[in-house]
Amino acid sequence: MNKDRIVSAEDLIEHVWDNEADLFSNSFKVHINSLKKKLAAYCGDKELIKNIRGLGYFIAQEYADESAE
């Protein structure tokens, strides 16, 4: 659905938590970091979730291409 699209942290927080979530809380970054580590362990240390500072997160294109094969 969001292939080749950067999704902002605000959008992710809004879809995962309620609208009352604190956007400045460090818990979101901790959850993303944990998810990135788990995915890297599962997929051979590839960084699947990439961050574009100030914009948001996206799934690395090279992984999307490999999983389509």
PDB file of N, CA and C in Angstrom:
ATOM      1  N   MET A   1       0.815  -1.195   0.000  1.00  0.00           N
ATOM      2  CA  MET A   1       0.000   0.000   0.000  1.00  0.00           C
ATOM      3  C   MET A   1       0.865   1.267   0.000  1.00  0.00           C
ATOM      4  N   ASN A   2       1.946   1.270   0.759  1.00  0.00           N
ATOM      5  CA  ASN A   2       2.804   2.450   0.832  1.00  0.00           C
ATOM      6  C   ASN A   2       4.148   2.221   0.156  1.00  0.00           C
ATOM      7  N   LYS A   3       4.181   1.337  -0.841  1.00  0.00           N
ATOM      8  CA  LYS A   3       5.425   1.051  -1.543  1.00  0.00           C
ATOM      9  C   LYS A   3       5.979   2.342  -2.144  1.00  0.00           C
ATOM     10  N   ASP A   4       7.265   2.520  -1.986  1.00  0.00           N
ATOM     11  CA  ASP A   4       7.969   3.701  -2.493  1.00  0.00           C
ATOM     12  C   ASP A   4       7.473   5.006  -1.870  1.00  0.00           C
ATOM     13  N   ARG A   5       6.888   4.923  -0.695  1.00  0.00           N
ATOM     14  CA  ARG A   5       6.367   6.121  -0.038  1.00  0.00           C
ATOM     15  C   ARG A   5       6.967   6.225   1.359  1.00  0.00           C
ATOM     16  N   ILE A   6       7.413   7.412   1.693  1.00  0.00           N
ATOM     17  CA  ILE A   6       7.890   7.674   3.047  1.00  0.00           C
ATOM     18  C   ILE A   6       6.668   7.970   3.910  1.00  0.00           C
ATOM     19  N   VAL A   7       6.571   7.269   5.034  1.00  0.00           N
ATOM     20  CA  VAL A   7       5.450   7.456   5.958  1.00  0.00           C
ATOM     21  C   VAL A   7       5.974   8.187   7.185  1.00  0.00           C
ATOM     22  N   SER A   8       5.338   9.281   7.517  1.00  0.00           N
ATOM     23  CA  SER A   8       5.812  10.087   8.649  1.00  0.00           C
ATOM     24  C   SER A   8       5.573   9.369   9.968  1.00  0.00           C
ATOM     25  N   ALA A   9       6.366   9.727  10.943  1.00  0.00           N
ATOM     26  CA  ALA A   9       6.191   9.165  12.289  1.00  0.00           C
ATOM     27  C   ALA A   9       4.804   9.507  12.814  1.00  0.00           C
ATOM     28  N   GLU A  10       4.328  10.702  12.517  1.00  0.00           N
ATOM     29  CA  GLU A  10       2.997  11.108  12.970  1.00  0.00           C
ATOM     30  C   GLU A  10       1.911  10.199  12.405  1.00  0.00           C
ATOM     31  N   ASP A  11       2.021   9.855  11.110  1.00  0.00           N
ATOM     32  CA  ASP A  11       1.046   8.951  10.495  1.00  0.00           C
ATOM     33  C   ASP A  11       1.096   7.568  11.134  1.00  0.00           C
ATOM     34  N   LEU A  12       2.311   7.073  11.367  1.00  0.00           N
ATOM     35  CA  LEU A  12       2.445   5.756  11.992  1.00  0.00           C
ATOM     36  C   LEU A  12       1.859   5.746  13.396  1.00  0.00           C
ATOM     37  N   ILE A  13       2.174   6.770  14.163  1.00  0.00           N
ATOM     38  CA  ILE A  13       1.656   6.855  15.530  1.00  0.00           C
ATOM     39  C   ILE A  13       0.135   6.940  15.514  1.00  0.00           C
ATOM     40  N   GLU A  14      -0.409   7.726  14.596  1.00  0.00           N
ATOM     41  CA  GLU A  14      -1.859   7.884  14.508  1.00  0.00           C
ATOM     42  C   GLU A  14      -2.556   6.562  14.188  1.00  0.00           C
ATOM     43  N   HIS A  15      -1.922   5.729  13.350  1.00  0.00           N
ATOM     44  CA  HIS A  15      -2.536   4.453  12.968  1.00  0.00           C
ATOM     45  C   HIS A  15      -2.324   3.364  14.001  1.00  0.00           C
ATOM     46  N   VAL A  16      -1.288   3.491  14.819  1.00  0.00           N
ATOM     47  CA  VAL A  16      -0.979   2.444  15.795  1.00  0.00           C
ATOM     48  C   VAL A  16      -1.556   2.772  17.162  1.00  0.00           C
ATOM     49  N   TRP A  17      -1.389   4.011  17.579  1.00  0.00           N
ATOM     50  CA  TRP A  17      -1.907   4.441  18.873  1.00  0.00           C
ATOM     51  C   TRP A  17      -3.054   5.413  18.650  1.00  0.00           C
ATOM     52  N   ASP A  18      -3.692   5.820  19.701  1.00  0.00           N
ATOM     53  CA  ASP A  18      -4.794   6.772  19.556  1.00  0.00           C
ATOM     54  C   ASP A  18      -4.251   8.183  19.314  1.00  0.00           C
ATOM     55  N   ASN A  19      -5.146   9.093  19.049  1.00  0.00           N
ATOM     56  CA  ASN A  19      -4.754  10.474  18.746  1.00  0.00           C
ATOM     57  C   ASN A  19      -4.173  11.200  19.939  1.00  0.00           C
ATOM     58  N   GLU A  20      -4.299  10.635  21.114  1.00  0.00           N
ATOM     59  CA  GLU A  20      -3.786  11.261  22.325  1.00  0.00           C
ATOM     60  C   GLU A  20      -2.324  10.912  22.589  1.00  0.00           C
ATOM     61  N   ALA A  21      -1.720  10.112  21.738  1.00  0.00           N
ATOM     62  CA  ALA A  21      -0.327   9.702  21.942  1.00  0.00           C
ATOM     63  C   ALA A  21       0.599  10.910  21.857  1.00  0.00           C
ATOM     64  N   ASP A  22       1.625  10.887  22.654  1.00  0.00           N
ATOM     65  CA  ASP A  22       2.599  11.970  22.697  1.00  0.00           C
ATOM     66  C   ASP A  22       3.608  11.793  21.566  1.00  0.00           C
ATOM     67  N   LEU A  23       3.578  12.708  20.600  1.00  0.00           N
ATOM     68  CA  LEU A  23       4.476  12.616  19.451  1.00  0.00           C
ATOM     69  C   LEU A  23       5.935  12.801  19.834  1.00  0.00           C
ATOM     70  N   PHE A  24       6.179  13.392  20.986  1.00  0.00           N
ATOM     71  CA  PHE A  24       7.552  13.650  21.408  1.00  0.00           C
ATOM     72  C   PHE A  24       8.069  12.579  22.365  1.00  0.00           C
ATOM     73  N   SER A  25       7.269  11.567  22.600  1.00  0.00           N
ATOM     74  CA  SER A  25       7.682  10.475  23.468  1.00  0.00           C
ATOM     75  C   SER A  25       8.750   9.634  22.772  1.00  0.00           C
ATOM     76  N   ASN A  26       9.671   9.129  23.537  1.00  0.00           N
ATOM     77  CA  ASN A  26      10.737   8.299  22.997  1.00  0.00           C
ATOM     78  C   ASN A  26      10.270   6.861  22.751  1.00  0.00           C
ATOM     79  N   SER A  27       9.102   6.497  23.245  1.00  0.00           N
ATOM     80  CA  SER A  27       8.643   5.113  23.126  1.00  0.00           C
ATOM     81  C   SER A  27       8.454   4.689  21.666  1.00  0.00           C
ATOM     82  N   PHE A  28       8.028   5.592  20.803  1.00  0.00           N
ATOM     83  CA  PHE A  28       7.866   5.254  19.388  1.00  0.00           C
ATOM     84  C   PHE A  28       9.204   4.863  18.774  1.00  0.00           C
ATOM     85  N   LYS A  29      10.242   5.648  19.036  1.00  0.00           N
ATOM     86  CA  LYS A  29      11.569   5.348  18.496  1.00  0.00           C
ATOM     87  C   LYS A  29      12.102   4.032  19.038  1.00  0.00           C
ATOM     88  N   VAL A  30      11.801   3.740  20.293  1.00  0.00           N
ATOM     89  CA  VAL A  30      12.219   2.470  20.896  1.00  0.00           C
ATOM     90  C   VAL A  30      11.520   1.310  20.200  1.00  0.00           C
ATOM     91  N   HIS A  31      10.230   1.439  19.922  1.00  0.00           N
ATOM     92  CA  HIS A  31       9.489   0.380  19.230  1.00  0.00           C
ATOM     93  C   HIS A  31      10.027   0.175  17.809  1.00  0.00           C
ATOM     94  N   ILE A  32      10.286   1.257  17.092  1.00  0.00           N
ATOM     95  CA  ILE A  32      10.827   1.147  15.733  1.00  0.00           C
ATOM     96  C   ILE A  32      12.191   0.469  15.767  1.00  0.00           C
ATOM     97  N   ASN A  33      13.037   0.854  16.706  1.00  0.00           N
ATOM     98  CA  ASN A  33      14.368   0.259  16.823  1.00  0.00           C
ATOM     99  C   ASN A  33      14.276  -1.237  17.113  1.00  0.00           C
ATOM    100  N   SER A  34      13.370  -1.617  17.991  1.00  0.00           N
ATOM    101  CA  SER A  34      13.176  -3.033  18.317  1.00  0.00           C
ATOM    102  C   SER A  34      12.695  -3.808  17.083  1.00  0.00           C
ATOM    103  N   LEU A  35      11.761  -3.227  16.352  1.00  0.00           N
ATOM    104  CA  LEU A  35      11.251  -3.865  15.142  1.00  0.00           C
ATOM    105  C   LEU A  35      12.353  -4.012  14.093  1.00  0.00           C
ATOM    106  N   LYS A  36      13.181  -2.989  13.930  1.00  0.00           N
ATOM    107  CA  LYS A  36      14.285  -3.047  12.976  1.00  0.00           C
ATOM    108  C   LYS A  36      15.267  -4.162  13.334  1.00  0.00           C
ATOM    109  N   LYS A  37      15.571  -4.317  14.625  1.00  0.00           N
ATOM    110  CA  LYS A  37      16.485  -5.375  15.069  1.00  0.00           C
ATOM    111  C   LYS A  37      15.906  -6.760  14.817  1.00  0.00           C
ATOM    112  N   LYS A  38      14.628  -6.935  15.110  1.00  0.00           N
ATOM    113  CA  LYS A  38      13.987  -8.235  14.903  1.00  0.00           C
ATOM    114  C   LYS A  38      13.941  -8.593  13.421  1.00  0.00           C
ATOM    115  N   LEU A  39      13.618  -7.625  12.582  1.00  0.00           N
ATOM    116  CA  LEU A  39      13.584  -7.883  11.143  1.00  0.00           C
ATOM    117  C   LEU A  39      14.977  -8.179  10.604  1.00  0.00           C
ATOM    118  N   ALA A  40      15.981  -7.480  11.095  1.00  0.00           N
ATOM    119  CA  ALA A  40      17.360  -7.722  10.645  1.00  0.00           C
ATOM    120  C   ALA A  40      17.805  -9.124  11.025  1.00  0.00           C
ATOM    121  N   ALA A  41      17.458  -9.576  12.213  1.00  0.00           N
ATOM    122  CA  ALA A  41      17.824 -10.927  12.642  1.00  0.00           C
ATOM    123  C   ALA A  41      17.121 -11.976  11.779  1.00  0.00           C
ATOM    124  N   TYR A  42      15.905 -11.695  11.385  1.00  0.00           N
ATOM    125  CA  TYR A  42      15.120 -12.625  10.577  1.00  0.00           C
ATOM    126  C   TYR A  42      15.575 -12.640   9.116  1.00  0.00           C
ATOM    127  N   CYS A  43      16.028 -11.500   8.618  1.00  0.00           N
ATOM    128  CA  CYS A  43      16.336 -11.354   7.190  1.00  0.00           C
ATOM    129  C   CYS A  43      17.816 -11.179   6.901  1.00  0.00           C
ATOM    130  N   GLY A  44      18.661 -11.698   7.745  1.00  0.00           N
ATOM    131  CA  GLY A  44      20.090 -11.685   7.468  1.00  0.00           C
ATOM    132  C   GLY A  44      20.761 -10.339   7.615  1.00  0.00           C
ATOM    133  N   ASP A  45      20.447  -9.638   8.679  1.00  0.00           N
ATOM    134  CA  ASP A  45      21.081  -8.360   9.011  1.00  0.00           C
ATOM    135  C   ASP A  45      20.875  -7.256   7.978  1.00  0.00           C
ATOM    136  N   LYS A  46      19.847  -7.369   7.164  1.00  0.00           N
ATOM    137  CA  LYS A  46      19.521  -6.290   6.232  1.00  0.00           C
ATOM    138  C   LYS A  46      18.698  -5.240   6.973  1.00  0.00           C
ATOM    139  N   GLU A  47      18.966  -3.997   6.685  1.00  0.00           N
ATOM    140  CA  GLU A  47      18.179  -2.925   7.291  1.00  0.00           C
ATOM    141  C   GLU A  47      16.951  -2.714   6.411  1.00  0.00           C
ATOM    142  N   LEU A  48      15.814  -3.230   6.863  1.00  0.00           N
ATOM    143  CA  LEU A  48      14.608  -3.198   6.045  1.00  0.00           C
ATOM    144  C   LEU A  48      13.820  -1.913   6.220  1.00  0.00           C
ATOM    145  N   ILE A  49      13.812  -1.395   7.423  1.00  0.00           N
ATOM    146  CA  ILE A  49      13.113  -0.140   7.687  1.00  0.00           C
ATOM    147  C   ILE A  49      14.161   0.956   7.707  1.00  0.00           C
ATOM    148  N   LYS A  50      14.025   1.878   6.787  1.00  0.00           N
ATOM    149  CA  LYS A  50      14.971   2.986   6.691  1.00  0.00           C
ATOM    150  C   LYS A  50      14.305   4.254   7.204  1.00  0.00           C
ATOM    151  N   ASN A  51      15.124   5.153   7.728  1.00  0.00           N
ATOM    152  CA  ASN A  51      14.640   6.428   8.236  1.00  0.00           C
ATOM    153  C   ASN A  51      15.236   7.556   7.415  1.00  0.00           C
ATOM    154  N   ILE A  52      14.392   8.471   7.007  1.00  0.00           N
ATOM    155  CA  ILE A  52      14.842   9.706   6.368  1.00  0.00           C
ATOM    156  C   ILE A  52      14.594  10.801   7.395  1.00  0.00           C
ATOM    157  N   ARG A  53      15.660  11.277   7.980  1.00  0.00           N
ATOM    158  CA  ARG A  53      15.571  12.236   9.082  1.00  0.00           C
ATOM    159  C   ARG A  53      14.673  13.418   8.715  1.00  0.00           C
ATOM    160  N   GLY A  54      13.703  13.659   9.577  1.00  0.00           N
ATOM    161  CA  GLY A  54      12.782  14.770   9.386  1.00  0.00           C
ATOM    162  C   GLY A  54      11.601  14.464   8.491  1.00  0.00           C
ATOM    163  N   LEU A  55      11.627  13.306   7.799  1.00  0.00           N
ATOM    164  CA  LEU A  55      10.524  12.960   6.902  1.00  0.00           C
ATOM    165  C   LEU A  55       9.731  11.749   7.379  1.00  0.00           C
ATOM    166  N   GLY A  56      10.426  10.661   7.717  1.00  0.00           N
ATOM    167  CA  GLY A  56       9.719   9.475   8.172  1.00  0.00           C
ATOM    168  C   GLY A  56      10.461   8.191   7.855  1.00  0.00           C
ATOM    169  N   TYR A  57       9.691   7.121   7.661  1.00  0.00           N
ATOM    170  CA  TYR A  57      10.240   5.779   7.485  1.00  0.00           C
ATOM    171  C   TYR A  57       9.716   5.172   6.197  1.00  0.00           C
ATOM    172  N   PHE A  58      10.508   4.229   5.638  1.00  0.00           N
ATOM    173  CA  PHE A  58      10.045   3.474   4.484  1.00  0.00           C
ATOM    174  C   PHE A  58      10.697   2.103   4.479  1.00  0.00           C
ATOM    175  N   ILE A  59      10.091   1.175   3.736  1.00  0.00           N
ATOM    176  CA  ILE A  59      10.648  -0.165   3.564  1.00  0.00           C
ATOM    177  C   ILE A  59      11.684  -0.080   2.448  1.00  0.00           C
ATOM    178  N   ALA A  60      12.861  -0.591   2.714  1.00  0.00           N
ATOM    179  CA  ALA A  60      13.952  -0.525   1.746  1.00  0.00           C
ATOM    180  C   ALA A  60      13.554  -1.208   0.446  1.00  0.00           C
ATOM    181  N   GLN A  61      13.783  -0.535  -0.666  1.00  0.00           N
ATOM    182  CA  GLN A  61      13.376  -1.038  -1.974  1.00  0.00           C
ATOM    183  C   GLN A  61      14.046  -2.362  -2.325  1.00  0.00           C
ATOM    184  N   GLU A  62      15.324  -2.509  -1.949  1.00  0.00           N
ATOM    185  CA  GLU A  62      16.016  -3.748  -2.300  1.00  0.00           C
ATOM    186  C   GLU A  62      15.352  -4.953  -1.656  1.00  0.00           C
ATOM    187  N   TYR A  63      14.764  -4.790  -0.470  1.00  0.00           N
ATOM    188  CA  TYR A  63      14.060  -5.892   0.160  1.00  0.00           C
ATOM    189  C   TYR A  63      12.741  -6.165  -0.552  1.00  0.00           C
ATOM    190  N   ALA A  64      12.046  -5.115  -0.925  1.00  0.00           N
ATOM    191  CA  ALA A  64      10.767  -5.284  -1.618  1.00  0.00           C
ATOM    192  C   ALA A  64      10.984  -6.021  -2.934  1.00  0.00           C
ATOM    193  N   ASP A  65      12.084  -5.708  -3.637  1.00  0.00           N
ATOM    194  CA  ASP A  65      12.383  -6.386  -4.902  1.00  0.00           C
ATOM    195  C   ASP A  65      12.698  -7.855  -4.690  1.00  0.00           C
ATOM    196  N   GLU A  66      13.459  -8.192  -3.630  1.00  0.00           N
ATOM    197  CA  GLU A  66      13.817  -9.583  -3.358  1.00  0.00           C
ATOM    198  C   GLU A  66      12.612 -10.405  -2.955  1.00  0.00           C
ATOM    199  N   SER A  67      11.705  -9.833  -2.180  1.00  0.00           N
ATOM    200  CA  SER A  67      10.556 -10.586  -1.701  1.00  0.00           C
ATOM    201  C   SER A  67       9.550 -10.846  -2.821  1.00  0.00           C
ATOM    202  N   ALA A  68       9.607 -10.074  -3.892  1.00  0.00           N
ATOM    203  CA  ALA A  68       8.694 -10.264  -5.027  1.00  0.00           C
ATOM    204  C   ALA A  68       9.112 -11.447  -5.898  1.00  0.00           C
ATOM    205  N   GLU A  69      10.350 -11.879  -5.777  1.00  0.00           N
ATOM    206  CA  GLU A  69      10.849 -12.982  -6.612  1.00  0.00           C
ATOM    207  C   GLU A  69      10.360 -14.320  -6.147  1.00  0.00           C
TER     208      GLU A  69
END
